[in-house]
Amino acid sequence: MTEKSQPIFVRSKTGRLIQRPTPEENEAINAGIAADPNTFELTDEWVAKARRVGRPLSETPKIKRSIRFSAEVISYFRATGKGWQTRMDNALKEWISMQNL
């Protein structure tokens, strides 16, 4: 009879103690995964063919910053409906193009 492994506990970022599976439990988990016909190991070839989910990456990505505007400015642009932030960005770009820098 083999001696059973002692449980190993790790602490999460929130401080919660989580018990990791013992080597025996890990073996049983992996055997179950291997026996499941609906699972498969991801190969490098499969990962290379996978496509990104979501919005395509922009050639000119925007930078996220925290900035304060007067309530009057925000109210004006928000009242123009969906896409107000893009219109606000375009208005600022137009103002920049009019400057003699």
N, C-alpha and C. Protein backbone atom coordinates (compact mmCIF):
# COMPACT_ATOMS: atom_id res chain seq x y z
N MET A 1 0.83 -1.18 0.00
CA MET A 1 0.00 0.00 0.00
C MET A 1 0.89 1.26 0.00
N THR A 2 0.59 2.21 -0.89
CA THR A 2 1.40 3.43 -0.97
C THR A 2 0.85 4.48 -0.02
N GLU A 3 1.76 5.31 0.45
CA GLU A 3 1.36 6.37 1.35
C GLU A 3 0.74 7.50 0.54
N LYS A 4 -0.40 8.02 0.98
CA LYS A 4 -1.10 9.08 0.27
C LYS A 4 -0.37 10.41 0.47
N SER A 5 -0.27 11.22 -0.58
CA SER A 5 0.41 12.51 -0.51
C SER A 5 -0.36 13.47 0.38
N GLN A 6 0.39 14.34 1.02
CA GLN A 6 -0.22 15.37 1.86
C GLN A 6 -0.78 16.47 0.98
N PRO A 7 -1.93 17.02 1.34
CA PRO A 7 -2.49 18.11 0.53
C PRO A 7 -1.62 19.35 0.59
N ILE A 8 -1.58 20.06 -0.52
CA ILE A 8 -0.82 21.31 -0.62
C ILE A 8 -1.82 22.44 -0.75
N PHE A 9 -1.65 23.48 0.05
CA PHE A 9 -2.54 24.63 0.01
C PHE A 9 -1.78 25.83 -0.53
N VAL A 10 -2.45 26.63 -1.34
CA VAL A 10 -1.89 27.89 -1.83
C VAL A 10 -2.88 28.99 -1.48
N ARG A 11 -2.35 30.18 -1.30
CA ARG A 11 -3.21 31.31 -0.96
C ARG A 11 -3.44 32.15 -2.21
N SER A 12 -4.71 32.45 -2.49
CA SER A 12 -5.05 33.26 -3.67
C SER A 12 -4.75 34.73 -3.38
N LYS A 13 -4.89 35.57 -4.40
CA LYS A 13 -4.66 37.00 -4.24
C LYS A 13 -5.63 37.62 -3.23
N THR A 14 -6.81 37.02 -3.11
CA THR A 14 -7.81 37.54 -2.18
C THR A 14 -7.60 37.00 -0.76
N GLY A 15 -6.61 36.10 -0.59
CA GLY A 15 -6.32 35.56 0.73
C GLY A 15 -6.99 34.23 1.01
N ARG A 16 -7.75 33.74 0.07
CA ARG A 16 -8.46 32.47 0.25
C ARG A 16 -7.48 31.30 0.09
N LEU A 17 -7.60 30.29 0.97
CA LEU A 17 -6.77 29.10 0.87
C LEU A 17 -7.40 28.13 -0.11
N ILE A 18 -6.60 27.67 -1.07
CA ILE A 18 -7.08 26.73 -2.09
C ILE A 18 -6.23 25.47 -2.01
N GLN A 19 -6.92 24.32 -1.96
CA GLN A 19 -6.19 23.06 -1.91
C GLN A 19 -5.89 22.59 -3.31
N ARG A 20 -4.60 22.37 -3.59
CA ARG A 20 -4.19 21.86 -4.90
C ARG A 20 -4.40 20.36 -4.94
N PRO A 21 -4.66 19.81 -6.11
CA PRO A 21 -4.83 18.36 -6.19
C PRO A 21 -3.53 17.64 -5.88
N THR A 22 -3.65 16.50 -5.25
CA THR A 22 -2.48 15.66 -4.98
C THR A 22 -2.03 15.04 -6.29
N PRO A 23 -0.81 14.50 -6.35
CA PRO A 23 -0.37 13.85 -7.59
C PRO A 23 -1.33 12.73 -8.03
N GLU A 24 -1.89 12.00 -7.07
CA GLU A 24 -2.84 10.94 -7.41
C GLU A 24 -4.11 11.51 -8.05
N GLU A 25 -4.61 12.60 -7.44
CA GLU A 25 -5.82 13.26 -7.99
C GLU A 25 -5.52 13.85 -9.37
N ASN A 26 -4.33 14.41 -9.53
CA ASN A 26 -3.93 14.97 -10.82
C ASN A 26 -3.90 13.88 -11.89
N GLU A 27 -3.38 12.71 -11.52
CA GLU A 27 -3.34 11.58 -12.45
C GLU A 27 -4.75 11.19 -12.87
N ALA A 28 -5.67 11.13 -11.90
CA ALA A 28 -7.06 10.76 -12.21
C ALA A 28 -7.71 11.82 -13.10
N ILE A 29 -7.44 13.09 -12.84
CA ILE A 29 -7.98 14.18 -13.66
C ILE A 29 -7.47 14.06 -15.09
N ASN A 30 -6.15 13.87 -15.24
CA ASN A 30 -5.56 13.77 -16.57
C ASN A 30 -6.05 12.54 -17.32
N ALA A 31 -6.28 11.44 -16.60
CA ALA A 31 -6.81 10.22 -17.23
C ALA A 31 -8.22 10.49 -17.75
N GLY A 32 -9.01 11.22 -16.97
CA GLY A 32 -10.37 11.57 -17.40
C GLY A 32 -10.36 12.46 -18.63
N ILE A 33 -9.44 13.40 -18.66
CA ILE A 33 -9.32 14.29 -19.82
C ILE A 33 -8.93 13.48 -21.05
N ALA A 34 -7.96 12.58 -20.89
CA ALA A 34 -7.48 11.76 -22.02
C ALA A 34 -8.59 10.86 -22.55
N ALA A 35 -9.48 10.40 -21.65
CA ALA A 35 -10.55 9.49 -22.07
C ALA A 35 -11.73 10.23 -22.70
N ASP A 36 -11.79 11.54 -22.54
CA ASP A 36 -12.92 12.32 -23.07
C ASP A 36 -12.71 12.57 -24.56
N PRO A 37 -13.64 12.11 -25.41
CA PRO A 37 -13.47 12.30 -26.86
C PRO A 37 -13.64 13.75 -27.31
N ASN A 38 -14.18 14.60 -26.46
CA ASN A 38 -14.42 15.99 -26.83
C ASN A 38 -13.28 16.92 -26.48
N THR A 39 -12.16 16.37 -25.96
CA THR A 39 -11.02 17.21 -25.64
C THR A 39 -9.84 16.85 -26.53
N PHE A 40 -8.92 17.78 -26.70
CA PHE A 40 -7.71 17.53 -27.47
C PHE A 40 -6.63 18.49 -27.03
N GLU A 41 -5.40 18.10 -27.24
CA GLU A 41 -4.26 18.96 -26.92
C GLU A 41 -4.09 19.98 -28.04
N LEU A 42 -3.88 21.21 -27.67
CA LEU A 42 -3.64 22.25 -28.67
C LEU A 42 -2.21 22.12 -29.18
N THR A 43 -2.07 22.00 -30.48
CA THR A 43 -0.75 21.91 -31.08
C THR A 43 -0.29 23.31 -31.50
N ASP A 44 1.00 23.45 -31.74
CA ASP A 44 1.53 24.74 -32.20
C ASP A 44 0.89 25.13 -33.54
N GLU A 45 0.64 24.13 -34.39
CA GLU A 45 0.01 24.37 -35.68
C GLU A 45 -1.41 24.91 -35.49
N TRP A 46 -2.15 24.31 -34.56
CA TRP A 46 -3.53 24.76 -34.31
C TRP A 46 -3.53 26.19 -33.80
N VAL A 47 -2.62 26.49 -32.86
CA VAL A 47 -2.55 27.84 -32.29
C VAL A 47 -2.18 28.85 -33.37
N ALA A 48 -1.28 28.47 -34.28
CA ALA A 48 -0.86 29.37 -35.36
C ALA A 48 -2.02 29.69 -36.30
N LYS A 49 -2.93 28.73 -36.49
CA LYS A 49 -4.07 28.94 -37.39
C LYS A 49 -5.22 29.67 -36.71
N ALA A 50 -5.23 29.67 -35.39
CA ALA A 50 -6.33 30.30 -34.64
C ALA A 50 -6.37 31.79 -34.96
N ARG A 51 -7.55 32.32 -35.02
CA ARG A 51 -7.66 33.75 -35.30
C ARG A 51 -8.14 34.47 -34.06
N ARG A 52 -7.77 35.70 -33.96
CA ARG A 52 -8.12 36.53 -32.81
C ARG A 52 -9.62 36.79 -32.82
N VAL A 53 -10.21 36.73 -31.64
CA VAL A 53 -11.64 37.00 -31.50
C VAL A 53 -11.82 38.46 -31.11
N GLY A 54 -12.82 39.10 -31.66
CA GLY A 54 -13.11 40.48 -31.29
C GLY A 54 -12.76 41.46 -32.39
N ARG A 55 -12.72 42.70 -32.01
CA ARG A 55 -12.45 43.79 -32.94
C ARG A 55 -11.03 43.67 -33.48
N PRO A 56 -10.84 43.90 -34.78
CA PRO A 56 -9.48 43.84 -35.35
C PRO A 56 -8.59 44.91 -34.72
N LEU A 57 -7.31 44.61 -34.63
CA LEU A 57 -6.36 45.58 -34.08
C LEU A 57 -6.22 46.76 -35.04
N SER A 58 -6.20 47.94 -34.48
CA SER A 58 -6.09 49.16 -35.28
C SER A 58 -4.64 49.43 -35.64
N GLU A 59 -4.42 49.99 -36.83
CA GLU A 59 -3.07 50.39 -37.22
C GLU A 59 -2.63 51.62 -36.42
N THR A 60 -3.59 52.40 -35.97
CA THR A 60 -3.30 53.58 -35.15
C THR A 60 -4.14 53.48 -33.87
N PRO A 61 -3.70 52.66 -32.92
CA PRO A 61 -4.49 52.48 -31.70
C PRO A 61 -4.57 53.76 -30.88
N LYS A 62 -5.68 53.91 -30.19
CA LYS A 62 -5.87 55.08 -29.32
C LYS A 62 -5.25 54.79 -27.97
N ILE A 63 -4.92 55.84 -27.26
CA ILE A 63 -4.30 55.73 -25.94
C ILE A 63 -5.35 56.08 -24.90
N LYS A 64 -5.50 55.20 -23.91
CA LYS A 64 -6.48 55.43 -22.86
C LYS A 64 -5.85 56.33 -21.80
N ARG A 65 -6.48 57.46 -21.53
CA ARG A 65 -6.02 58.40 -20.52
C ARG A 65 -7.24 58.94 -19.78
N SER A 66 -6.99 59.35 -18.57
CA SER A 66 -8.05 59.99 -17.79
C SER A 66 -7.88 61.50 -17.97
N ILE A 67 -8.97 62.16 -18.36
CA ILE A 67 -8.90 63.60 -18.62
C ILE A 67 -10.21 64.23 -18.17
N ARG A 68 -10.15 65.46 -17.74
CA ARG A 68 -11.35 66.14 -17.26
C ARG A 68 -11.78 67.21 -18.25
N PHE A 69 -13.07 67.20 -18.55
CA PHE A 69 -13.69 68.23 -19.39
C PHE A 69 -14.81 68.87 -18.60
N SER A 70 -15.20 70.05 -18.99
CA SER A 70 -16.32 70.71 -18.31
C SER A 70 -17.60 69.93 -18.61
N ALA A 71 -18.54 70.02 -17.72
CA ALA A 71 -19.83 69.33 -17.88
C ALA A 71 -20.52 69.80 -19.16
N GLU A 72 -20.34 71.08 -19.49
CA GLU A 72 -20.96 71.65 -20.69
C GLU A 72 -20.45 70.96 -21.96
N VAL A 73 -19.13 70.72 -22.04
CA VAL A 73 -18.53 70.08 -23.21
C VAL A 73 -19.02 68.63 -23.33
N ILE A 74 -18.98 67.89 -22.23
CA ILE A 74 -19.42 66.50 -22.24
C ILE A 74 -20.91 66.41 -22.59
N SER A 75 -21.72 67.27 -21.99
CA SER A 75 -23.16 67.25 -22.27
C SER A 75 -23.44 67.51 -23.75
N TYR A 76 -22.70 68.46 -24.32
CA TYR A 76 -22.90 68.78 -25.73
C TYR A 76 -22.63 67.55 -26.61
N PHE A 77 -21.46 66.96 -26.43
CA PHE A 77 -21.10 65.83 -27.28
C PHE A 77 -21.98 64.60 -27.01
N ARG A 78 -22.31 64.34 -25.75
CA ARG A 78 -23.17 63.20 -25.44
C ARG A 78 -24.56 63.37 -26.07
N ALA A 79 -25.03 64.58 -26.14
CA ALA A 79 -26.35 64.85 -26.71
C ALA A 79 -26.39 64.54 -28.21
N THR A 80 -25.23 64.42 -28.84
CA THR A 80 -25.20 64.12 -30.27
C THR A 80 -25.40 62.63 -30.54
N GLY A 81 -25.48 61.82 -29.49
CA GLY A 81 -25.80 60.39 -29.66
C GLY A 81 -24.59 59.49 -29.70
N LYS A 82 -24.87 58.26 -30.13
CA LYS A 82 -23.84 57.22 -30.18
C LYS A 82 -22.67 57.69 -31.04
N GLY A 83 -21.45 57.42 -30.58
CA GLY A 83 -20.26 57.84 -31.30
C GLY A 83 -19.76 59.20 -30.88
N TRP A 84 -20.29 59.72 -29.77
CA TRP A 84 -19.92 61.07 -29.35
C TRP A 84 -18.45 61.21 -29.04
N GLN A 85 -17.83 60.15 -28.51
CA GLN A 85 -16.41 60.23 -28.17
C GLN A 85 -15.55 60.35 -29.44
N THR A 86 -15.96 59.65 -30.50
CA THR A 86 -15.24 59.75 -31.77
C THR A 86 -15.39 61.15 -32.34
N ARG A 87 -16.60 61.71 -32.25
CA ARG A 87 -16.81 63.08 -32.74
C ARG A 87 -15.99 64.08 -31.93
N MET A 88 -15.87 63.84 -30.65
CA MET A 88 -15.08 64.73 -29.80
C MET A 88 -13.60 64.62 -30.19
N ASP A 89 -13.14 63.41 -30.45
CA ASP A 89 -11.76 63.18 -30.90
C ASP A 89 -11.52 63.90 -32.22
N ASN A 90 -12.47 63.79 -33.14
CA ASN A 90 -12.33 64.45 -34.45
C ASN A 90 -12.32 65.97 -34.31
N ALA A 91 -13.14 66.52 -33.39
CA ALA A 91 -13.16 67.96 -33.18
C ALA A 91 -11.80 68.44 -32.65
N LEU A 92 -11.21 67.66 -31.76
CA LEU A 92 -9.90 68.04 -31.23
C LEU A 92 -8.83 67.94 -32.31
N LYS A 93 -8.91 66.91 -33.16
CA LYS A 93 -7.95 66.79 -34.28
C LYS A 93 -8.08 67.97 -35.22
N GLU A 94 -9.32 68.39 -35.51
CA GLU A 94 -9.54 69.54 -36.40
C GLU A 94 -8.93 70.79 -35.78
N TRP A 95 -9.12 70.99 -34.48
CA TRP A 95 -8.55 72.14 -33.81
C TRP A 95 -7.01 72.12 -33.91
N ILE A 96 -6.43 70.94 -33.74
CA ILE A 96 -4.96 70.81 -33.83
C ILE A 96 -4.49 71.18 -35.22
N SER A 97 -5.22 70.73 -36.26
CA SER A 97 -4.80 71.00 -37.63
C SER A 97 -4.89 72.49 -37.97
N MET A 98 -5.70 73.24 -37.26
CA MET A 98 -5.86 74.67 -37.52
C MET A 98 -4.79 75.51 -36.81
N GLN A 99 -4.01 74.88 -35.90
CA GLN A 99 -2.98 75.61 -35.18
C GLN A 99 -1.73 75.75 -36.04
N ASN A 100 -1.03 76.83 -35.86
CA ASN A 100 0.22 77.06 -36.60
C ASN A 100 1.40 76.66 -35.70
N LEU A 101 1.65 75.37 -35.64
CA LEU A 101 2.73 74.90 -34.77
C LEU A 101 4.00 74.71 -35.54
